[in-house]
Amino acid sequence: MSDVLALVASVLQIQPADLREDDGTETVPAWDSLKTILLASMIEITYGITLDNHDIEQLTSIPGVRGVLARHGRQ
C-alpha cells in the first residue's frame, strides 16, 4: 500500500484498503475540511515541508496530495 494512501487513511481514520487512487472529498464522506487541515499538518510533519494556502487547497483528493508532494520534491 502506498505511503500516501496510508497517510490519508490514517488522517481519515479509515483503512488504507478502503481508498482508491481517485478518491477525494466527493467520494469519501469522512474527508471534510477539518480533515483536510489535519492532513496538511501531517504532511508537513511527515515530509518536512511547509505548505502554503494553494497547496492546502489541493489536498482534496489523492491525486491532489500526490501533486503537492511532487511539487515539493517528495514521493
C-alpha atoms as a PDB file:
ATOM      1  CA  MET A   1       0.000   0.000   0.000  1.00  0.00           C
ATOM      2  CA  SER A   2       1.272   3.436  -0.894  1.00  0.00           C
ATOM      3  CA  ASP A   3       2.618   5.709   1.831  1.00  0.00           C
ATOM      4  CA  VAL A   4       0.265   8.445   0.599  1.00  0.00           C
ATOM      5  CA  LEU A   5      -2.783   6.201   0.879  1.00  0.00           C
ATOM      6  CA  ALA A   6      -1.661   5.071   4.330  1.00  0.00           C
ATOM      7  CA  LEU A   7      -1.181   8.659   5.498  1.00  0.00           C
ATOM      8  CA  VAL A   8      -4.535   9.834   4.143  1.00  0.00           C
ATOM      9  CA  ALA A   9      -6.298   6.794   5.591  1.00  0.00           C
ATOM     10  CA  SER A  10      -4.692   7.449   8.960  1.00  0.00           C
ATOM     11  CA  VAL A  11      -5.935  11.043   8.996  1.00  0.00           C
ATOM     12  CA  LEU A  12      -9.406   9.982   7.869  1.00  0.00           C
ATOM     13  CA  GLN A  13      -9.432   7.117  10.383  1.00  0.00           C
ATOM     14  CA  ILE A  14     -10.287   4.524   7.748  1.00  0.00           C
ATOM     15  CA  GLN A  15      -8.457   1.508   6.353  1.00  0.00           C
ATOM     16  CA  PRO A  16      -5.976   2.189   3.519  1.00  0.00           C
ATOM     17  CA  ALA A  17      -7.618  -0.615   1.526  1.00  0.00           C
ATOM     18  CA  ASP A  18     -10.828   1.453   1.552  1.00  0.00           C
ATOM     19  CA  LEU A  19      -9.184   4.211  -0.518  1.00  0.00           C
ATOM     20  CA  ARG A  20      -8.785   4.268  -4.293  1.00  0.00           C
ATOM     21  CA  GLU A  21      -6.265   6.341  -6.226  1.00  0.00           C
ATOM     22  CA  ASP A  22      -9.014   8.668  -7.492  1.00  0.00           C
ATOM     23  CA  ASP A  23     -10.767   9.244  -4.139  1.00  0.00           C
ATOM     24  CA  GLY A  24     -11.296  12.650  -2.591  1.00  0.00           C
ATOM     25  CA  THR A  25     -13.777  14.782  -0.707  1.00  0.00           C
ATOM     26  CA  GLU A  26     -16.523  13.920  -3.194  1.00  0.00           C
ATOM     27  CA  THR A  27     -16.216  10.174  -2.684  1.00  0.00           C
ATOM     28  CA  VAL A  28     -15.082   9.751   0.930  1.00  0.00           C
ATOM     29  CA  PRO A  29     -17.635  11.049   3.469  1.00  0.00           C
ATOM     30  CA  ALA A  30     -15.018  11.231   6.245  1.00  0.00           C
ATOM     31  CA  TRP A  31     -12.876  13.657   4.175  1.00  0.00           C
ATOM     32  CA  ASP A  32     -14.156  17.072   5.267  1.00  0.00           C
ATOM     33  CA  SER A  33     -12.482  20.469   5.587  1.00  0.00           C
ATOM     34  CA  LEU A  34     -11.216  19.783   9.099  1.00  0.00           C
ATOM     35  CA  LYS A  35      -9.596  16.532   7.959  1.00  0.00           C
ATOM     36  CA  THR A  36      -8.003  18.415   5.053  1.00  0.00           C
ATOM     37  CA  ILE A  37      -6.317  20.806   7.512  1.00  0.00           C
ATOM     38  CA  LEU A  38      -5.225  17.866   9.668  1.00  0.00           C
ATOM     39  CA  LEU A  39      -3.878  16.165   6.547  1.00  0.00           C
ATOM     40  CA  ALA A  40      -1.883  19.303   5.714  1.00  0.00           C
ATOM     41  CA  SER A  41      -0.335  19.245   9.182  1.00  0.00           C
ATOM     42  CA  MET A  42       0.519  15.565   8.935  1.00  0.00           C
ATOM     43  CA  ILE A  43       2.107  16.069   5.507  1.00  0.00           C
ATOM     44  CA  GLU A  44       4.245  18.902   6.875  1.00  0.00           C
ATOM     45  CA  ILE A  45       5.380  16.758   9.810  1.00  0.00           C
ATOM     46  CA  THR A  46       5.886  13.553   7.825  1.00  0.00           C
ATOM     47  CA  TYR A  47       7.662  15.045   4.819  1.00  0.00           C
ATOM     48  CA  GLY A  48       9.374  18.014   6.496  1.00  0.00           C
ATOM     49  CA  ILE A  49       7.860  20.597   4.160  1.00  0.00           C
ATOM     50  CA  THR A  50       5.848  23.780   4.610  1.00  0.00           C
ATOM     51  CA  LEU A  51       2.615  24.062   2.673  1.00  0.00           C
ATOM     52  CA  ASP A  52       1.120  27.341   1.514  1.00  0.00           C
ATOM     53  CA  ASN A  53      -2.581  28.086   1.033  1.00  0.00           C
ATOM     54  CA  HIS A  54      -2.504  26.969  -2.603  1.00  0.00           C
ATOM     55  CA  ASP A  55      -1.025  23.617  -1.573  1.00  0.00           C
ATOM     56  CA  ILE A  56      -3.646  23.113   1.121  1.00  0.00           C
ATOM     57  CA  GLU A  57      -6.447  23.868  -1.352  1.00  0.00           C
ATOM     58  CA  GLN A  58      -5.164  20.964  -3.485  1.00  0.00           C
ATOM     59  CA  LEU A  59      -5.405  18.421  -0.648  1.00  0.00           C
ATOM     60  CA  THR A  60      -8.947  17.375  -1.509  1.00  0.00           C
ATOM     61  CA  SER A  61      -8.093  14.201  -3.409  1.00  0.00           C
ATOM     62  CA  ILE A  62      -5.422  11.524  -3.596  1.00  0.00           C
ATOM     63  CA  PRO A  63      -4.154  12.917  -6.935  1.00  0.00           C
ATOM     64  CA  GLY A  64      -4.068  16.380  -5.366  1.00  0.00           C
ATOM     65  CA  VAL A  65      -1.994  15.122  -2.435  1.00  0.00           C
ATOM     66  CA  ARG A  66       0.395  13.397  -4.830  1.00  0.00           C
ATOM     67  CA  GLY A  67       0.683  16.585  -6.893  1.00  0.00           C
ATOM     68  CA  VAL A  68       1.519  18.716  -3.858  1.00  0.00           C
ATOM     69  CA  LEU A  69       4.158  16.243  -2.736  1.00  0.00           C
ATOM     70  CA  ALA A  70       5.645  16.115  -6.235  1.00  0.00           C
ATOM     71  CA  ARG A  71       5.890  19.908  -6.358  1.00  0.00           C
ATOM     72  CA  HIS A  72       7.847  19.777  -3.115  1.00  0.00           C
ATOM     73  CA  GLY A  73      10.174  17.069  -4.424  1.00  0.00           C
ATOM     74  CA  ARG A  74       8.693  14.354  -2.236  1.00  0.00           C
ATOM     75  CA  GLN A  75       7.223  10.981  -3.109  1.00  0.00           C
END
